[in-house]
Structures are given as structure tokens and as C-alpha cells.
């Protein structure tokens, strides 16, 4: 259901004019229809597709003007530490089953 939820929210956000440019991190070609619909209904909006390493969709790539692969180094720089303390003192912990790069 994740791809359905992403599609619904991106369409709703487009109709509510909540973005001019959207970054979609996915290689799920099921999202092509939604991307085409947003670009058809809102020609001034821009959707950029970002692929994670080893994931790619030619269908998504050819649907938009801009797409790129997020490099492993950039992903590694974006990973949260094992623990994050919120302003209220609550500690968020990375689940042990999550693998690190």
C-alpha cells in the first residue's frame, strides 16, 4: 500500500498547491501513472525522481525531465546515529534489525 499512499498524497498535495517541486525517492514503476497525472494537470510543477543505489526504473526515468541515483557516500552521510535525543529529552533508538551502510 505504500505506493498507493505516496500517489494519493502527492496528488492531494499538488491539488492543494503544497509544492512546486517534488522529490520522489522510488524505483517503483507503479508510480508512473501518478507522476504523469501530476505533470499533465499541473504543467508548472516539477517532479524529480531519485533512485537509491542498485534500484532503477526506466519507466520513471523517462517520465520526468530530471532523475538521478543517490550515491552510497551521500546515503551514508544521511544516516541518523543509533540514538537521537529529542528536545523534550525523549530518546529515539534505531531498531537493531536495521542495517547500516
C-alpha atoms as a PDB file:
ATOM      1  CA  UNK A   1       0.000   0.000   0.000  1.00  0.00           C
ATOM      2  CA  UNK A   2       2.973   2.340   0.292  1.00  0.00           C
ATOM      3  CA  UNK A   3       2.965   3.217  -3.409  1.00  0.00           C
ATOM      4  CA  UNK A   4      -0.780   3.924  -3.269  1.00  0.00           C
ATOM      5  CA  UNK A   5      -0.317   6.191  -0.245  1.00  0.00           C
ATOM      6  CA  UNK A   6       2.548   8.043  -1.925  1.00  0.00           C
ATOM      7  CA  UNK A   7       0.476   8.532  -5.075  1.00  0.00           C
ATOM      8  CA  UNK A   8      -2.571   9.785  -3.182  1.00  0.00           C
ATOM      9  CA  UNK A   9      -0.567  12.211  -1.030  1.00  0.00           C
ATOM     10  CA  UNK A  10       1.423  13.621  -3.968  1.00  0.00           C
ATOM     11  CA  UNK A  11      -1.809  14.189  -5.911  1.00  0.00           C
ATOM     12  CA  UNK A  12      -3.574  15.776  -2.937  1.00  0.00           C
ATOM     13  CA  UNK A  13      -0.558  17.982  -2.250  1.00  0.00           C
ATOM     14  CA  UNK A  14      -0.486  19.026  -5.915  1.00  0.00           C
ATOM     15  CA  UNK A  15      -4.184  19.947  -5.843  1.00  0.00           C
ATOM     16  CA  UNK A  16      -3.673  21.876  -2.601  1.00  0.00           C
ATOM     17  CA  UNK A  17      -0.623  23.595  -4.166  1.00  0.00           C
ATOM     18  CA  UNK A  18       1.688  22.486  -1.366  1.00  0.00           C
ATOM     19  CA  UNK A  19       4.715  22.144  -3.626  1.00  0.00           C
ATOM     20  CA  UNK A  20       6.243  23.472  -6.803  1.00  0.00           C
ATOM     21  CA  UNK A  21       8.993  20.844  -6.918  1.00  0.00           C
ATOM     22  CA  UNK A  22       8.708  17.327  -5.527  1.00  0.00           C
ATOM     23  CA  UNK A  23      11.433  14.771  -4.879  1.00  0.00           C
ATOM     24  CA  UNK A  24      10.236  11.210  -5.267  1.00  0.00           C
ATOM     25  CA  UNK A  25      12.650   8.607  -3.927  1.00  0.00           C
ATOM     26  CA  UNK A  26      11.467   5.413  -5.544  1.00  0.00           C
ATOM     27  CA  UNK A  27      12.100   2.938  -8.330  1.00  0.00           C
ATOM     28  CA  UNK A  28       8.516   1.673  -8.284  1.00  0.00           C
ATOM     29  CA  UNK A  29       7.125   1.927 -11.802  1.00  0.00           C
ATOM     30  CA  UNK A  30       3.598   1.711 -10.339  1.00  0.00           C
ATOM     31  CA  UNK A  31       4.022   5.439  -9.626  1.00  0.00           C
ATOM     32  CA  UNK A  32       4.367   6.380 -13.316  1.00  0.00           C
ATOM     33  CA  UNK A  33       0.626   6.998 -13.684  1.00  0.00           C
ATOM     34  CA  UNK A  34       0.554   9.390 -10.759  1.00  0.00           C
ATOM     35  CA  UNK A  35       3.640  11.251 -11.977  1.00  0.00           C
ATOM     36  CA  UNK A  36       2.151  11.619 -15.464  1.00  0.00           C
ATOM     37  CA  UNK A  37      -1.142  12.836 -13.994  1.00  0.00           C
ATOM     38  CA  UNK A  38       0.517  15.478 -11.818  1.00  0.00           C
ATOM     39  CA  UNK A  39       2.617  16.737 -14.718  1.00  0.00           C
ATOM     40  CA  UNK A  40      -0.402  16.791 -17.065  1.00  0.00           C
ATOM     41  CA  UNK A  41      -2.729  18.532 -14.598  1.00  0.00           C
ATOM     42  CA  UNK A  42      -0.070  20.888 -13.222  1.00  0.00           C
ATOM     43  CA  UNK A  43       2.445  21.606 -16.016  1.00  0.00           C
ATOM     44  CA  UNK A  44       4.368  24.128 -13.885  1.00  0.00           C
ATOM     45  CA  UNK A  45       5.116  21.554 -11.182  1.00  0.00           C
ATOM     46  CA  UNK A  46       8.341  19.593 -11.346  1.00  0.00           C
ATOM     47  CA  UNK A  47       8.939  16.057 -10.082  1.00  0.00           C
ATOM     48  CA  UNK A  48      12.494  14.821  -9.686  1.00  0.00           C
ATOM     49  CA  UNK A  49      12.987  11.078  -9.321  1.00  0.00           C
ATOM     50  CA  UNK A  50      15.800   9.901  -7.060  1.00  0.00           C
ATOM     51  CA  UNK A  51      16.901   6.274  -7.198  1.00  0.00           C
ATOM     52  CA  UNK A  52      18.724   4.520  -4.390  1.00  0.00           C
ATOM     53  CA  UNK A  53      21.832   2.519  -5.315  1.00  0.00           C
ATOM     54  CA  UNK A  54      21.043  -0.672  -7.223  1.00  0.00           C
ATOM     55  CA  UNK A  55      17.433   0.435  -7.797  1.00  0.00           C
ATOM     56  CA  UNK A  56      16.294   1.949 -11.076  1.00  0.00           C
ATOM     57  CA  UNK A  57      13.143   2.277 -13.161  1.00  0.00           C
ATOM     58  CA  UNK A  58      13.479   3.239 -16.802  1.00  0.00           C
ATOM     59  CA  UNK A  59       9.727   3.922 -16.851  1.00  0.00           C
ATOM     60  CA  UNK A  60      10.040   6.517 -14.069  1.00  0.00           C
ATOM     61  CA  UNK A  61      13.275   7.924 -15.517  1.00  0.00           C
ATOM     62  CA  UNK A  62      11.662   8.616 -18.900  1.00  0.00           C
ATOM     63  CA  UNK A  63       8.523  10.122 -17.331  1.00  0.00           C
ATOM     64  CA  UNK A  64      10.329  13.135 -15.831  1.00  0.00           C
ATOM     65  CA  UNK A  65      12.918  15.646 -17.010  1.00  0.00           C
ATOM     66  CA  UNK A  66      15.246  15.092 -14.049  1.00  0.00           C
ATOM     67  CA  UNK A  67      16.292  11.918 -12.266  1.00  0.00           C
ATOM     68  CA  UNK A  68      19.451  10.676 -10.627  1.00  0.00           C
ATOM     69  CA  UNK A  69      20.897   7.929  -8.486  1.00  0.00           C
ATOM     70  CA  UNK A  70      21.716   8.783  -4.883  1.00  0.00           C
ATOM     71  CA  UNK A  71      25.302   7.673  -4.308  1.00  0.00           C
ATOM     72  CA  UNK A  72      26.262   5.352  -1.458  1.00  0.00           C
ATOM     73  CA  UNK A  73      28.507   8.044   0.036  1.00  0.00           C
ATOM     74  CA  UNK A  74      25.622  10.547   0.140  1.00  0.00           C
ATOM     75  CA  UNK A  75      23.355   7.933   1.720  1.00  0.00           C
ATOM     76  CA  UNK A  76      25.971   7.080   4.331  1.00  0.00           C
ATOM     77  CA  UNK A  77      26.225  10.776   5.226  1.00  0.00           C
ATOM     78  CA  UNK A  78      22.440  10.906   5.702  1.00  0.00           C
ATOM     79  CA  UNK A  79      22.006   8.090   8.204  1.00  0.00           C
ATOM     80  CA  UNK A  80      20.877   9.011  11.684  1.00  0.00           C
ATOM     81  CA  UNK A  81      23.034   7.864  14.589  1.00  0.00           C
ATOM     82  CA  UNK A  82      21.921   4.874  16.683  1.00  0.00           C
ATOM     83  CA  UNK A  83      20.299   7.257  19.159  1.00  0.00           C
ATOM     84  CA  UNK A  84      18.693  10.670  18.696  1.00  0.00           C
ATOM     85  CA  UNK A  85      17.536  12.708  21.662  1.00  0.00           C
ATOM     86  CA  UNK A  86      14.551  14.921  21.027  1.00  0.00           C
ATOM     87  CA  UNK A  87      14.238  18.409  22.525  1.00  0.00           C
ATOM     88  CA  UNK A  88      11.915  17.065  25.209  1.00  0.00           C
ATOM     89  CA  UNK A  89      14.572  14.520  26.271  1.00  0.00           C
ATOM     90  CA  UNK A  90      12.862  11.503  24.693  1.00  0.00           C
ATOM     91  CA  UNK A  91      15.447   9.172  23.131  1.00  0.00           C
ATOM     92  CA  UNK A  92      14.732   7.593  19.761  1.00  0.00           C
ATOM     93  CA  UNK A  93      16.719   4.412  19.090  1.00  0.00           C
ATOM     94  CA  UNK A  94      17.484   2.759  15.793  1.00  0.00           C
ATOM     95  CA  UNK A  95      15.986  -0.764  15.765  1.00  0.00           C
ATOM     96  CA  UNK A  96      18.727  -3.413  15.944  1.00  0.00           C
ATOM     97  CA  UNK A  97      17.404  -5.138  12.821  1.00  0.00           C
ATOM     98  CA  UNK A  98      18.123  -2.067  10.696  1.00  0.00           C
ATOM     99  CA  UNK A  99      21.371  -2.493   8.830  1.00  0.00           C
ATOM    100  CA  UNK A 100      23.841   0.352   8.483  1.00  0.00           C
ATOM    101  CA  UNK A 101      25.710   1.152   5.308  1.00  0.00           C
END
